[in-house]
Protein backbone atom coordinates (compact mmCIF):
# COMPACT_ATOMS: atom_id res chain seq x y z
CA MET A 1 0.00 0.00 0.00
CA SER A 2 1.36 3.45 -0.87
CA SER A 3 1.94 6.12 1.74
CA PRO A 4 -0.15 9.31 1.89
CA PHE A 5 3.18 11.13 1.77
CA ASP A 6 4.41 9.61 -1.51
CA ALA A 7 4.96 11.90 -4.47
CA PRO A 8 1.69 13.78 -5.11
CA SER A 9 -0.76 12.31 -7.56
CA THR A 10 -3.07 14.93 -9.01
CA PRO A 11 -5.91 13.14 -10.82
CA GLU A 12 -5.72 13.30 -14.59
CA GLU A 13 -8.27 15.64 -16.14
CA PRO A 14 -10.77 13.44 -18.00
CA ALA A 15 -11.97 14.56 -21.39
CA ASP A 16 -15.47 14.97 -19.96
CA ARG A 17 -15.76 14.80 -16.20
CA ASP A 18 -19.54 15.15 -16.43
CA SER A 19 -19.84 11.89 -18.36
CA LEU A 20 -18.51 9.92 -15.39
CA GLU A 21 -20.56 8.72 -12.44
CA GLN A 22 -20.78 11.62 -10.02
CA TYR A 23 -19.87 11.31 -6.34
CA VAL A 24 -20.05 13.78 -3.49
CA LEU A 25 -18.00 14.09 -0.31
CA PRO A 26 -20.38 14.52 2.66
CA LEU A 27 -19.35 16.73 5.55
CA VAL A 28 -21.55 17.23 8.60
CA VAL A 29 -21.04 20.07 11.04
CA ARG A 30 -22.38 19.75 14.57
CA LEU A 31 -24.73 22.66 15.14
CA GLU A 32 -26.56 22.49 18.45
CA ARG A 33 -29.29 24.99 19.31
CA THR A 34 -27.10 26.54 21.97
CA ASP A 35 -23.40 27.34 21.75
CA PRO A 36 -22.89 27.06 17.98
CA PRO A 37 -19.33 26.97 16.64
CA ALA A 38 -17.51 30.09 15.57
CA ARG A 39 -17.63 30.62 11.82
CA THR A 40 -13.87 30.79 11.18
CA ASP A 41 -13.22 27.75 13.35
CA ALA A 42 -15.85 25.82 11.40
CA LEU A 43 -14.22 26.80 8.10
CA GLU A 44 -10.80 25.73 9.31
CA THR A 45 -12.08 22.49 10.81
CA SER A 46 -13.83 21.57 7.56
CA ALA A 47 -10.59 22.05 5.62
CA ARG A 48 -8.65 19.94 8.11
CA ALA A 49 -11.32 17.23 7.93
CA VAL A 50 -10.89 16.92 4.17
CA LEU A 51 -7.11 16.69 4.53
CA THR A 52 -7.44 14.11 7.30
CA LEU A 53 -9.56 11.91 5.06
CA LEU A 54 -7.14 12.24 2.12
CA ALA A 55 -4.24 11.10 4.33
CA ASP A 56 -6.15 8.26 6.00
CA PRO A 57 -4.82 4.71 5.40
CA ARG A 58 -8.29 3.68 4.20
CA VAL A 59 -7.80 6.05 1.25
CA THR A 60 -4.10 6.07 0.45
CA GLY A 61 -3.66 2.70 -1.22
CA PRO A 62 -5.50 0.37 -3.59
CA GLU A 63 -6.24 -1.97 -0.70
CA GLY A 64 -7.82 0.79 1.38
CA GLU A 65 -11.53 0.25 1.88
CA TRP A 66 -12.33 3.82 0.79
CA ALA A 67 -9.71 4.07 -1.98
CA GLU A 68 -11.97 3.08 -4.87
CA ARG A 69 -14.70 5.55 -3.93
CA VAL A 70 -12.24 8.39 -3.45
CA ALA A 71 -10.64 7.65 -6.82
CA ALA A 72 -14.05 7.68 -8.54
CA TRP A 73 -14.92 10.95 -6.81
CA GLU A 74 -11.64 12.58 -7.85
CA ASP A 75 -12.05 11.44 -11.46
CA ALA A 76 -15.42 13.20 -11.78
CA ARG A 77 -16.34 16.58 -10.36
CA ILE A 78 -15.00 16.96 -6.84
CA ARG A 79 -18.23 17.91 -5.13
CA LYS A 80 -18.51 18.52 -1.41
CA VAL A 81 -21.75 19.13 0.47
CA VAL A 82 -21.97 20.33 4.07
CA ARG A 83 -25.04 19.45 6.13
CA ARG A 84 -25.81 20.22 9.76
CA ALA A 85 -26.83 17.96 12.62
CA ARG A 86 -27.61 18.22 16.32
CA GLY A 87 -28.49 15.90 19.16
CA GLY A 88 -29.64 12.48 18.00
CA GLU A 89 -28.94 13.32 14.36
CA TRP A 90 -25.30 13.96 15.21
CA ARG A 91 -25.05 10.74 17.19
CA LYS A 92 -26.53 8.70 14.33
CA ALA A 93 -24.16 10.34 11.84
CA GLY A 94 -21.31 9.35 14.12
CA GLU A 95 -22.26 5.70 13.78
CA LEU A 96 -21.57 5.72 10.03
CA PRO A 97 -18.00 5.13 8.79
CA GLY A 98 -16.20 8.44 8.79
CA ILE A 99 -13.78 10.69 10.65
CA THR A 100 -14.66 13.40 13.18
CA VAL A 101 -12.29 16.35 13.41
CA ALA A 102 -12.60 18.87 16.25
CA GLY A 103 -11.52 22.48 16.34
CA ALA A 104 -11.63 24.95 19.20
CA THR A 105 -15.43 25.23 18.98
CA ALA A 106 -16.41 23.19 15.91
CA GLU A 107 -16.86 19.50 15.20
CA VAL A 108 -17.01 18.27 11.62
CA ARG A 109 -17.44 14.67 10.49
CA VAL A 110 -16.28 13.74 6.99
CA PHE A 111 -17.45 10.60 5.24
CA PRO A 112 -16.08 8.67 2.25
CA PRO A 113 -17.65 9.81 -1.04
CA VAL A 114 -21.12 8.57 -1.94
CA PRO A 115 -22.95 8.56 -5.30
CA LEU A 116 -24.65 11.87 -5.95
CA ASP A 117 -28.07 10.21 -5.64
CA GLY A 118 -27.04 7.57 -3.13
CA TRP A 119 -26.69 9.32 0.21
CA PRO A 120 -27.12 7.17 3.33
CA ARG A 121 -30.55 7.77 4.86
CA GLU A 122 -29.02 9.14 8.07
CA LEU A 123 -27.24 11.86 6.09
CA ALA A 124 -29.80 12.49 3.34
CA LYS A 125 -32.36 13.78 5.83
CA LEU A 126 -29.99 16.35 7.32
CA GLN A 127 -30.49 19.98 6.35
CA VAL A 128 -28.10 21.90 4.11
CA SER A 129 -29.59 25.32 4.91
CA GLY A 130 -29.34 27.05 8.25
CA THR A 131 -25.56 27.03 8.57
CA ASP A 132 -25.19 30.76 9.12
CA LEU A 133 -22.47 31.21 11.72
CA ASP A 134 -20.66 34.20 13.17
CA ASP A 135 -17.40 34.97 14.91
CA ALA A 136 -17.77 36.48 18.38
CA GLU A 137 -14.54 38.40 17.73
CA PRO A 138 -12.69 39.17 14.49
CA PRO A 139 -10.12 36.47 13.71
CA ALA A 140 -6.58 37.28 14.69
CA THR A 141 -4.01 38.17 12.06
CA ALA A 142 -3.20 35.08 10.01
CA PRO A 143 -0.18 33.26 11.44
CA ASP A 144 2.82 32.19 9.41
CA GLY A 145 1.92 28.95 7.66
CA PRO A 146 -0.83 27.77 5.33
CA VAL A 147 -3.66 30.25 4.83
CA LEU A 148 -6.84 29.77 2.84
CA TRP A 149 -7.78 33.22 1.57
CA LEU A 150 -11.46 33.97 0.93
CA ASN A 151 -12.70 36.24 -1.83
CA PRO A 152 -13.69 39.53 -0.12
CA GLU A 153 -16.36 40.27 -2.72
CA LEU A 154 -18.44 37.12 -2.30
CA GLU A 155 -21.10 36.37 0.29
CA MET A 156 -21.66 32.69 1.04
CA SER A 157 -23.30 30.77 3.85
CA ALA A 158 -20.98 29.11 6.34
CA GLY A 159 -21.86 25.69 4.91
CA LYS A 160 -21.04 26.74 1.36
CA THR A 161 -17.79 28.34 2.51
CA MET A 162 -16.84 25.21 4.46
CA ALA A 163 -17.08 23.22 1.24
CA GLN A 164 -14.93 25.81 -0.53
CA THR A 165 -12.17 25.81 2.11
CA GLY A 166 -12.15 22.02 2.03
CA HIS A 167 -11.66 22.13 -1.73
CA ALA A 168 -8.85 24.69 -1.47
CA ALA A 169 -7.04 22.54 1.09
CA GLN A 170 -7.36 19.56 -1.24
CA LEU A 171 -5.86 21.48 -4.17
CA ALA A 172 -2.90 22.48 -2.00
CA TRP A 173 -2.44 18.86 -0.86
CA TRP A 174 -2.24 17.68 -4.46
CA ARG A 175 0.48 20.22 -5.23
CA LEU A 176 2.77 19.31 -2.32
CA ASP A 177 5.56 16.77 -2.49
CA GLY A 178 5.77 13.84 -0.08
CA ALA A 179 8.00 15.55 2.47
CA ARG A 180 5.77 18.61 2.68
CA ARG A 181 2.66 16.47 3.01
CA LYS A 182 4.26 14.63 5.89
CA GLU A 183 5.20 17.89 7.64
CA TRP A 184 1.69 19.23 7.23
CA ALA A 185 0.11 16.06 8.58
CA GLU A 186 2.47 16.02 11.57
CA SER A 187 1.36 19.57 12.41
CA GLY A 188 -2.25 18.37 12.60
CA PHE A 189 -2.87 20.10 9.28
CA ALA A 190 -2.33 23.52 10.81
CA LEU A 191 -3.97 26.22 8.69
CA ALA A 192 -5.89 29.46 8.95
CA VAL A 193 -8.85 30.83 7.00
CA ARG A 194 -8.98 34.58 6.50
CA THR A 195 -10.69 37.02 4.13
CA ALA A 196 -8.24 38.74 1.82
CA SER A 197 -8.23 42.47 1.26
CA PRO A 198 -9.35 43.48 -2.25
CA GLY A 199 -5.81 44.40 -3.26
CA ALA A 200 -4.32 41.22 -1.87
CA TRP A 201 -7.04 39.14 -3.54
CA ALA A 202 -6.09 40.48 -6.97
CA GLU A 203 -2.47 39.49 -6.33
CA LEU A 204 -3.41 36.07 -4.98
CA THR A 205 -5.56 35.15 -7.97
CA ALA A 206 -2.67 36.02 -10.30
CA SER A 207 -0.03 34.24 -8.21
CA GLY A 208 -0.38 30.73 -9.61
CA LEU A 209 -1.34 29.37 -6.19
CA PRO A 210 -4.23 26.85 -6.08
CA LEU A 211 -7.46 28.69 -6.85
CA VAL A 212 -10.98 27.34 -6.39
CA ARG A 213 -13.45 28.19 -9.15
CA ASP A 214 -16.93 27.16 -8.12
CA ALA A 215 -19.17 25.18 -10.48
CA GLY A 216 -22.10 27.39 -9.51
CA PHE A 217 -24.54 24.69 -8.41
CA THR A 218 -25.62 26.76 -5.38
CA GLU A 219 -25.50 30.34 -4.06
CA ILE A 220 -22.95 31.89 -6.45
CA ALA A 221 -22.41 32.22 -10.20
CA PRO A 222 -20.56 29.50 -12.12
CA GLY A 223 -16.85 30.20 -12.39
CA SER A 224 -16.71 32.39 -9.29
CA CYS A 225 -13.27 32.42 -7.68
CA THR A 226 -13.82 31.63 -4.01
CA VAL A 227 -10.60 30.64 -2.22
CA VAL A 228 -6.85 30.73 -2.81
CA ALA A 229 -4.71 28.18 -0.94
CA ASP A 230 -1.48 29.85 0.15
CA HIS A 231 0.93 27.23 1.51
CA PRO A 232 4.53 28.43 2.11
CA ALA A 233 5.95 25.39 0.31
CA LEU A 234 4.08 26.37 -2.84
CA ARG A 235 5.92 29.70 -2.94
CA GLU A 236 9.40 28.17 -2.76
CA GLY A 237 11.62 28.35 -5.80
């Protein structure tokens, strides 16, 4: 079985991704009626959850029990959908195969990809809407290290933005070599999510760093640039 830190393998771009069977990566954020998570922490935790799944032994080799589904998902359009759960819903979601990642205030569970029309019943009934979250205080200045920069001109729900930060983290992971992947994993996938200033955003989108362009299925126009993944290793050389 290969290591998650082997030389990066960015999926080949199929001639027509839409002609392939479509899969979606489910993410569920715990959203209780009282004491909801902070928005920025939820965005960061979602990104770390995606990275944690990509590095999991169940994904990283042909013998991994999730490897085939992840490969099929990566070959088609890399869709991610964030749903919310509380109480008994959260407990039932936790009984399905997946990985729960905790932040300072947020808990996000990521599941292996499922067919677009084949969601498990326990997840299919969960709501997508209603994920509006806030930060009690403005996030601190972004630390040195990986930063996922949000487009300052777009307004998206927290759930939509969680999917976008997860995608940006995945694009950065694909671009890193084995040594850098290992370092990132050993740090617990340390990263920050911040909103760029308009001037910085223009520079970031022209930098060649991984850039998420949304397909436009929900909330925003197709082709909208949503997040730039700025990992220090991607600026070297």
